[in-house]
């Protein structure tokens, strides 16, 4: 749209796999039992990538997107403000703080599990420091 500001469109594949393995110290009922479950879904996304030069070798970038739109997740957000430093002609390193929020549910109606369904709810915020490296050609 403008120098340093791009619109983004895409999709995020979410895959969650859980595995619980019971050890022998829980008694004969649980001994050797394993329970597994996997849930997958795809969220459509729209967002932007904003870049602000901060001198010759530094830049601030803010990629952000929102998705789900009730088609899969109710809402899915991802924001990653970061500072980048050019270490070579085509190599950059980045550090920042990433925040991801996903609110997805399946098998629920009006906030309650539908009887007989394998109801699944994933309402999670993940946040923390992130580092990365980019190669630009």
Protein backbone atom coordinates (compact mmCIF):
# COMPACT_ATOMS: atom_id res chain seq x y z
CA UNK A 1 0.00 0.00 0.00
CA UNK A 2 2.91 2.31 0.77
CA UNK A 3 6.67 2.05 1.20
CA UNK A 4 7.18 -0.07 4.28
CA UNK A 5 3.52 -1.11 4.61
CA UNK A 6 2.18 -4.35 3.09
CA UNK A 7 -1.14 -6.13 3.41
CA UNK A 8 -1.02 -9.87 4.02
CA UNK A 9 -3.52 -12.64 3.37
CA UNK A 10 -3.19 -16.31 4.11
CA UNK A 11 -4.07 -19.21 6.35
CA UNK A 12 -2.70 -20.76 9.53
CA UNK A 13 -2.86 -24.51 10.08
CA UNK A 14 -3.38 -25.37 13.75
CA UNK A 15 -2.62 -28.88 14.96
CA UNK A 16 -2.83 -29.94 18.60
CA UNK A 17 -1.80 -33.41 19.69
CA UNK A 18 -2.15 -34.66 23.24
CA UNK A 19 -0.83 -37.90 24.67
CA UNK A 20 -1.18 -39.17 28.22
CA UNK A 21 0.73 -42.30 29.13
CA UNK A 22 -0.03 -43.92 32.47
CA UNK A 23 2.82 -45.57 34.36
CA UNK A 24 2.66 -48.68 36.50
CA UNK A 25 2.68 -46.81 39.82
CA UNK A 26 -0.99 -45.76 39.36
CA UNK A 27 -2.35 -49.26 39.90
CA UNK A 28 -3.60 -52.04 37.65
CA UNK A 29 -6.56 -50.09 36.22
CA UNK A 30 -4.32 -47.46 34.55
CA UNK A 31 -1.13 -49.47 34.09
CA UNK A 32 0.15 -49.29 30.52
CA UNK A 33 -2.81 -47.25 29.23
CA UNK A 34 -2.27 -44.46 26.73
CA UNK A 35 -4.84 -41.86 25.71
CA UNK A 36 -4.26 -39.75 22.60
CA UNK A 37 -6.23 -37.04 20.83
CA UNK A 38 -5.48 -34.77 17.87
CA UNK A 39 -7.40 -31.73 16.66
CA UNK A 40 -6.63 -29.76 13.49
CA UNK A 41 -8.20 -26.72 11.85
CA UNK A 42 -7.28 -23.93 9.43
CA UNK A 43 -7.81 -20.22 10.11
CA UNK A 44 -8.07 -17.71 7.24
CA UNK A 45 -5.97 -14.60 8.01
CA UNK A 46 -5.68 -10.98 6.97
CA UNK A 47 -3.04 -8.63 8.29
CA UNK A 48 -0.24 -6.20 7.62
CA UNK A 49 3.54 -5.93 7.82
CA UNK A 50 4.86 -2.47 8.71
CA UNK A 51 8.57 -1.63 8.49
CA UNK A 52 10.23 1.56 9.77
CA UNK A 53 13.93 2.13 9.00
CA UNK A 54 15.94 3.27 12.03
CA UNK A 55 19.23 4.22 10.44
CA UNK A 56 21.47 2.26 8.11
CA UNK A 57 21.42 -1.18 9.78
CA UNK A 58 18.38 -1.15 12.09
CA UNK A 59 14.67 -1.31 11.45
CA UNK A 60 11.49 -1.80 13.45
CA UNK A 61 8.90 -4.18 12.01
CA UNK A 62 5.38 -4.93 13.11
CA UNK A 63 3.75 -7.93 11.47
CA UNK A 64 0.22 -8.53 12.74
CA UNK A 65 -2.76 -10.55 11.60
CA UNK A 66 -6.28 -11.45 12.60
CA UNK A 67 -8.21 -14.48 11.49
CA UNK A 68 -10.76 -17.15 12.12
CA UNK A 69 -13.75 -14.84 11.64
CA UNK A 70 -16.04 -17.54 13.01
CA UNK A 71 -15.28 -19.76 9.99
CA UNK A 72 -12.96 -21.89 12.12
CA UNK A 73 -11.67 -20.10 15.21
CA UNK A 74 -13.93 -17.46 16.69
CA UNK A 75 -10.86 -15.24 16.57
CA UNK A 76 -7.13 -15.72 16.05
CA UNK A 77 -4.63 -12.89 16.61
CA UNK A 78 -0.87 -12.76 16.10
CA UNK A 79 1.30 -9.68 16.76
CA UNK A 80 5.13 -9.62 16.69
CA UNK A 81 6.75 -6.19 17.19
CA UNK A 82 10.50 -6.58 16.72
CA UNK A 83 13.75 -4.78 16.17
CA UNK A 84 15.96 -6.02 13.33
CA UNK A 85 19.70 -5.58 12.81
CA UNK A 86 21.48 -6.18 9.51
CA UNK A 87 24.52 -8.41 10.11
CA UNK A 88 25.41 -9.02 6.45
CA UNK A 89 24.43 -7.95 2.96
CA UNK A 90 21.36 -10.23 2.96
CA UNK A 91 21.15 -11.38 6.59
CA UNK A 92 19.15 -9.79 9.41
CA UNK A 93 18.61 -10.88 13.00
CA UNK A 94 15.51 -9.89 14.93
CA UNK A 95 14.31 -9.86 18.50
CA UNK A 96 10.97 -8.88 19.90
CA UNK A 97 7.88 -9.96 21.77
CA UNK A 98 5.26 -12.21 20.20
CA UNK A 99 1.64 -12.48 21.28
CA UNK A 100 -0.68 -15.10 19.82
CA UNK A 101 -4.30 -15.60 20.87
CA UNK A 102 -6.62 -18.30 19.54
CA UNK A 103 -10.21 -18.90 20.57
CA UNK A 104 -11.54 -22.07 18.90
CA UNK A 105 -14.27 -24.46 19.90
CA UNK A 106 -15.95 -27.42 18.26
CA UNK A 107 -18.91 -29.40 19.57
CA UNK A 108 -20.34 -26.51 21.62
CA UNK A 109 -23.65 -24.72 21.28
CA UNK A 110 -24.45 -21.60 23.32
CA UNK A 111 -21.34 -22.19 25.42
CA UNK A 112 -22.29 -25.76 26.39
CA UNK A 113 -21.00 -29.08 25.02
CA UNK A 114 -23.40 -30.75 22.59
CA UNK A 115 -24.36 -34.18 23.97
CA UNK A 116 -22.70 -36.99 22.01
CA UNK A 117 -20.09 -34.72 20.42
CA UNK A 118 -16.37 -34.78 21.09
CA UNK A 119 -16.46 -31.24 22.44
CA UNK A 120 -13.15 -29.37 22.18
CA UNK A 121 -12.32 -25.86 23.38
CA UNK A 122 -9.00 -24.06 22.82
CA UNK A 123 -8.91 -20.55 24.29
CA UNK A 124 -5.21 -19.81 24.70
CA UNK A 125 -2.88 -16.80 24.78
CA UNK A 126 0.80 -17.46 24.15
CA UNK A 127 3.25 -14.64 24.77
CA UNK A 128 6.97 -14.24 25.20
CA UNK A 129 10.27 -13.19 23.70
CA UNK A 130 11.12 -14.32 20.19
CA UNK A 131 14.30 -14.17 18.15
CA UNK A 132 14.79 -14.93 14.49
CA UNK A 133 16.91 -14.56 11.40
CA UNK A 134 15.90 -13.38 7.93
CA UNK A 135 17.64 -13.90 4.60
CA UNK A 136 16.64 -11.37 1.93
CA UNK A 137 17.34 -11.96 -1.74
